[in-house]
Every structure is written in C-alpha cells, then in structure tokens.
Amino acid sequence: MVSIAFGLISLGLYPVAAQSPLQRQLAGAMESKEDGVTKSGRPKPPQWYAKKNGKLSGKGCTITFADGDSAMGYLGPSDDWKESFFLVSGPDVPVPAKAKSVKVTLSTDGEPDRTVTATQIGIDGEQNGLVIFLLPSIDAALDVMQNEEGVRVSMAGNQIFASAWTKGHEARDKMRACLAGQK
C-alpha cells in the first residue's frame, strides 16, 4: 500500500530549479492526462499509462494513473538523478509560485493517515499543482503497491486530492520491466 511505502520513505524537499530535469520528467508523466482524452474531447475511462522519458536503459520510467483532471503515479530514477517519487496532481492541488516544502496528510485505503513532508510544485503549462513524495526506493514502493487503492491528500486540513486506481499490479509490472531495461 502507498502508506506502507511511505513508512519506508525519507520524505523531504527535493531541490527543484526552474525548468529542471525533474520538472521535465514530471511534465512527461502529466502528458498522460492529455492521452486520456479522445479525439472528440471526451474523457477516456480512468487508466494507467507507462512511459519512458530517459535515454539510458532502465532510467526515466514512469507510470501514471489518469482519471479526468487528476493523476497519480510513480517516477523512477532518471538520467539526471537517482531518486524516485510518488506524485499526485488534480484540480484542487494549488499551484505554488515556486517549489516548496509542505506538510500534508496522506490517506490510503486500509492504512492510518500519515502527516508527512512533501514538495509542492508547479509545472509550466499545467493548470494543476503537484505534490511529490520522495521515495527511498522505487522497488520498495512497487513491492507494496496494491492492485486497487484509494489515495487522498490533505493540506492545512483541506482535502486537495482524492482518486483511486485499479489494475495497479499490471502497471507495476510494466514499471518493473522498464526499470529492468526491457522497454
């Protein structure tokens, strides 16, 4: 479960400069929301998208669950950094003027709420803000990923994100294949 993964997480602010490689990787993950619209402009059903945004084998792998204007997912290590992240984005996630460290409460199905430090960030061209959580290991996070799971994030007592994924194990397997250089 996501919150179990966060029990293993060293959460904190990841330094993000304007137009940083991390912002480019996050923007690539958010492209999945645009993939979630049909040619007629109607939303596709909620689903997972797997992408590889790096040049090196096993680097730049992402899985993103897009549901309308909301998305959540995992970013693995890239060509430019070794860290891995869990992210959420939605219409109620504020867009900060610049990246900042924030206290948020993470709630997941079947687990107690956890108040943690995360990074709130905006991405050029995105109307929704993002909250990113630094993971100590993408493998540990994927190990506890549930097939179906609801995720909620609150900041200053207000819920800013709520969504639930299905078919998580299929997405996890695609992420593992990418991380192993098989994609």
Protein backbone atom coordinates (compact mmCIF):
# COMPACT_ATOMS: atom_id res chain seq x y z
CA MET A 1 0.00 0.00 0.00
CA VAL A 2 1.14 3.53 -0.64
CA SER A 3 1.20 4.45 3.03
CA ILE A 4 3.32 1.39 3.85
CA ALA A 5 5.77 2.59 1.24
CA PHE A 6 5.78 5.98 2.94
CA GLY A 7 6.64 4.26 6.20
CA LEU A 8 9.91 3.44 4.43
CA ILE A 9 10.29 6.89 2.92
CA SER A 10 12.70 9.59 3.82
CA LEU A 11 10.33 12.41 2.92
CA GLY A 12 11.55 15.90 2.36
CA LEU A 13 12.09 18.73 -0.06
CA TYR A 14 13.83 17.80 -3.26
CA PRO A 15 15.57 20.93 -4.62
CA VAL A 16 13.91 21.94 -7.86
CA ALA A 17 15.21 24.73 -10.09
CA ALA A 18 13.07 26.31 -12.80
CA GLN A 19 12.95 24.07 -15.87
CA SER A 20 14.88 21.40 -14.01
CA PRO A 21 15.23 17.83 -15.29
CA LEU A 22 12.75 16.82 -12.55
CA GLN A 23 10.17 19.29 -13.86
CA ARG A 24 10.65 17.91 -17.38
CA GLN A 25 10.16 14.35 -16.09
CA LEU A 26 7.06 15.39 -14.14
CA ALA A 27 5.70 17.14 -17.23
CA GLY A 28 6.23 13.90 -19.18
CA ALA A 29 4.27 11.99 -16.57
CA MET A 30 1.48 14.59 -16.72
CA GLU A 31 1.22 14.15 -20.50
CA SER A 32 -0.80 11.06 -19.66
CA LYS A 33 -3.72 13.30 -18.72
CA GLU A 34 -3.80 14.59 -22.29
CA ASP A 35 -3.60 10.99 -23.51
CA GLY A 36 -6.78 10.42 -21.50
CA VAL A 37 -8.95 12.45 -23.90
CA THR A 38 -10.50 11.05 -27.07
CA LYS A 39 -10.31 12.87 -30.41
CA SER A 40 -13.84 14.13 -29.78
CA GLY A 41 -12.66 15.67 -26.48
CA ARG A 42 -14.45 13.18 -24.23
CA PRO A 43 -12.53 11.75 -21.31
CA LYS A 44 -11.30 8.19 -21.62
CA PRO A 45 -12.04 5.87 -18.73
CA PRO A 46 -9.54 6.08 -15.85
CA GLN A 47 -6.41 4.13 -16.74
CA TRP A 48 -2.68 3.68 -16.31
CA TYR A 49 -0.05 4.99 -18.72
CA ALA A 50 3.53 3.75 -18.79
CA LYS A 51 6.20 5.99 -20.29
CA LYS A 52 9.94 6.09 -20.64
CA ASN A 53 11.33 9.62 -20.77
CA GLY A 54 15.03 8.83 -20.44
CA LYS A 55 17.80 7.86 -22.84
CA LEU A 56 19.55 5.33 -20.62
CA SER A 57 18.26 1.78 -20.21
CA GLY A 58 16.18 1.43 -17.04
CA LYS A 59 16.04 5.21 -16.47
CA GLY A 60 13.21 7.72 -16.87
CA CYS A 61 10.43 5.18 -16.26
CA THR A 62 7.02 6.43 -15.10
CA ILE A 63 3.58 5.00 -14.52
CA THR A 64 0.69 7.42 -14.19
CA PHE A 65 -2.93 6.71 -13.38
CA ALA A 66 -5.03 9.37 -15.10
CA ASP A 67 -8.66 9.96 -14.12
CA GLY A 68 -10.05 13.08 -15.76
CA ASP A 69 -8.09 16.09 -14.47
CA SER A 70 -6.45 14.07 -11.70
CA ALA A 71 -3.36 11.90 -11.88
CA MET A 72 -1.08 9.99 -9.55
CA GLY A 73 1.91 7.83 -10.22
CA TYR A 74 5.49 6.81 -9.74
CA LEU A 75 8.68 8.23 -11.26
CA GLY A 76 11.79 6.12 -11.19
CA PRO A 77 15.40 7.28 -11.32
CA SER A 78 16.35 9.19 -14.46
CA ASP A 79 19.40 10.09 -16.48
CA ASP A 80 19.82 13.10 -14.16
CA TRP A 81 19.07 11.79 -10.64
CA LYS A 82 18.92 8.60 -8.57
CA GLU A 83 15.81 9.42 -6.54
CA SER A 84 12.29 8.04 -7.08
CA PHE A 85 9.00 9.80 -6.41
CA PHE A 86 5.28 9.25 -5.89
CA LEU A 87 3.15 12.12 -7.19
CA VAL A 88 -0.42 13.38 -7.11
CA SER A 89 -1.97 16.15 -9.22
CA GLY A 90 -5.51 17.41 -9.50
CA PRO A 91 -7.70 20.48 -9.90
CA ASP A 92 -7.72 21.14 -6.13
CA VAL A 93 -3.92 20.93 -5.76
CA PRO A 94 -2.74 24.55 -5.56
CA VAL A 95 -0.05 25.74 -7.97
CA PRO A 96 2.69 27.42 -5.92
CA ALA A 97 4.75 30.35 -7.26
CA LYS A 98 7.83 28.20 -6.67
CA ALA A 99 8.57 24.73 -5.34
CA LYS A 100 8.21 24.48 -1.59
CA SER A 101 8.23 22.01 1.25
CA VAL A 102 4.75 21.37 2.68
CA LYS A 103 3.18 19.28 5.43
CA VAL A 104 0.43 17.08 4.04
CA THR A 105 -1.68 14.24 5.35
CA LEU A 106 -1.60 11.16 3.17
CA SER A 107 -4.52 8.75 3.46
CA THR A 108 -4.73 5.39 1.75
CA ASP A 109 -7.29 2.61 1.94
CA GLY A 110 -6.83 0.37 4.94
CA GLU A 111 -3.97 2.33 6.50
CA PRO A 112 -3.85 5.05 9.16
CA ASP A 113 -3.42 8.64 7.96
CA ARG A 114 0.16 9.90 7.93
CA THR A 115 1.31 13.50 8.14
CA VAL A 116 4.49 13.87 6.11
CA THR A 117 6.67 16.48 4.45
CA ALA A 118 6.44 16.58 0.67
CA THR A 119 7.21 19.03 -2.13
CA GLN A 120 4.52 21.14 -3.78
CA ILE A 121 5.46 22.20 -7.29
CA GLY A 122 4.01 23.72 -10.44
CA ILE A 123 4.86 22.66 -13.98
CA ASP A 124 4.90 25.04 -16.94
CA GLY A 125 1.75 24.54 -18.99
CA GLU A 126 -0.10 22.66 -16.23
CA GLN A 127 -3.09 24.25 -14.53
CA ASN A 128 -2.92 21.84 -11.59
CA GLY A 129 -0.24 21.79 -8.95
CA LEU A 130 1.62 18.63 -7.97
CA VAL A 131 2.62 17.16 -4.64
CA ILE A 132 5.64 14.89 -4.88
CA PHE A 133 6.86 12.47 -2.25
CA LEU A 134 10.49 11.34 -2.23
CA LEU A 135 10.82 7.55 -2.06
CA PRO A 136 13.91 5.79 -0.67
CA SER A 137 13.48 3.02 -3.25
CA ILE A 138 11.20 2.56 -6.22
CA ASP A 139 11.46 -1.20 -5.70
CA ALA A 140 10.20 -0.97 -2.09
CA ALA A 141 7.29 1.23 -3.19
CA LEU A 142 6.34 -1.15 -6.02
CA ASP A 143 6.59 -4.15 -3.66
CA VAL A 144 3.72 -2.81 -1.54
CA MET A 145 1.62 -1.39 -4.37
CA GLN A 146 -1.94 -2.71 -4.23
CA ASN A 147 -3.97 -3.73 -7.27
CA GLU A 148 -6.77 -1.38 -6.19
CA GLU A 149 -6.11 1.55 -3.89
CA GLY A 150 -7.62 4.89 -2.95
CA VAL A 151 -5.32 7.81 -2.22
CA ARG A 152 -6.22 11.10 -0.57
CA VAL A 153 -4.02 14.08 0.31
CA SER A 154 -4.95 16.96 2.63
CA MET A 155 -3.07 20.18 3.27
CA ALA A 156 -3.87 22.57 6.12
CA GLY A 157 -6.96 20.49 6.93
CA ASN A 158 -8.41 20.69 3.40
CA GLN A 159 -8.55 17.72 1.05
CA ILE A 160 -6.67 18.69 -2.13
CA PHE A 161 -6.60 15.30 -3.87
CA ALA A 162 -8.69 12.13 -3.97
CA SER A 163 -8.61 9.31 -6.50
CA ALA A 164 -8.47 5.54 -6.64
CA TRP A 165 -6.67 3.28 -9.05
CA THR A 166 -7.45 -0.16 -10.40
CA LYS A 167 -5.18 -2.62 -12.23
CA GLY A 168 -2.23 -1.44 -10.19
CA HIS A 169 -0.36 -4.74 -10.48
CA GLU A 170 -0.43 -4.59 -14.28
CA ALA A 171 1.02 -1.05 -14.15
CA ARG A 172 3.58 -2.13 -11.54
CA ASP A 173 4.76 -4.95 -13.81
CA LYS A 174 5.20 -2.52 -16.72
CA MET A 175 7.22 -0.21 -14.46
CA ARG A 176 9.43 -3.08 -13.30
CA ALA A 177 10.04 -4.14 -16.92
CA CYS A 178 11.05 -0.58 -17.82
CA LEU A 179 13.33 -0.30 -14.79
CA ALA A 180 14.96 -3.59 -15.84
CA GLY A 181 15.68 -2.08 -19.28
CA GLN A 182 13.11 -4.26 -21.05
CA LYS A 183 11.20 -1.33 -22.52
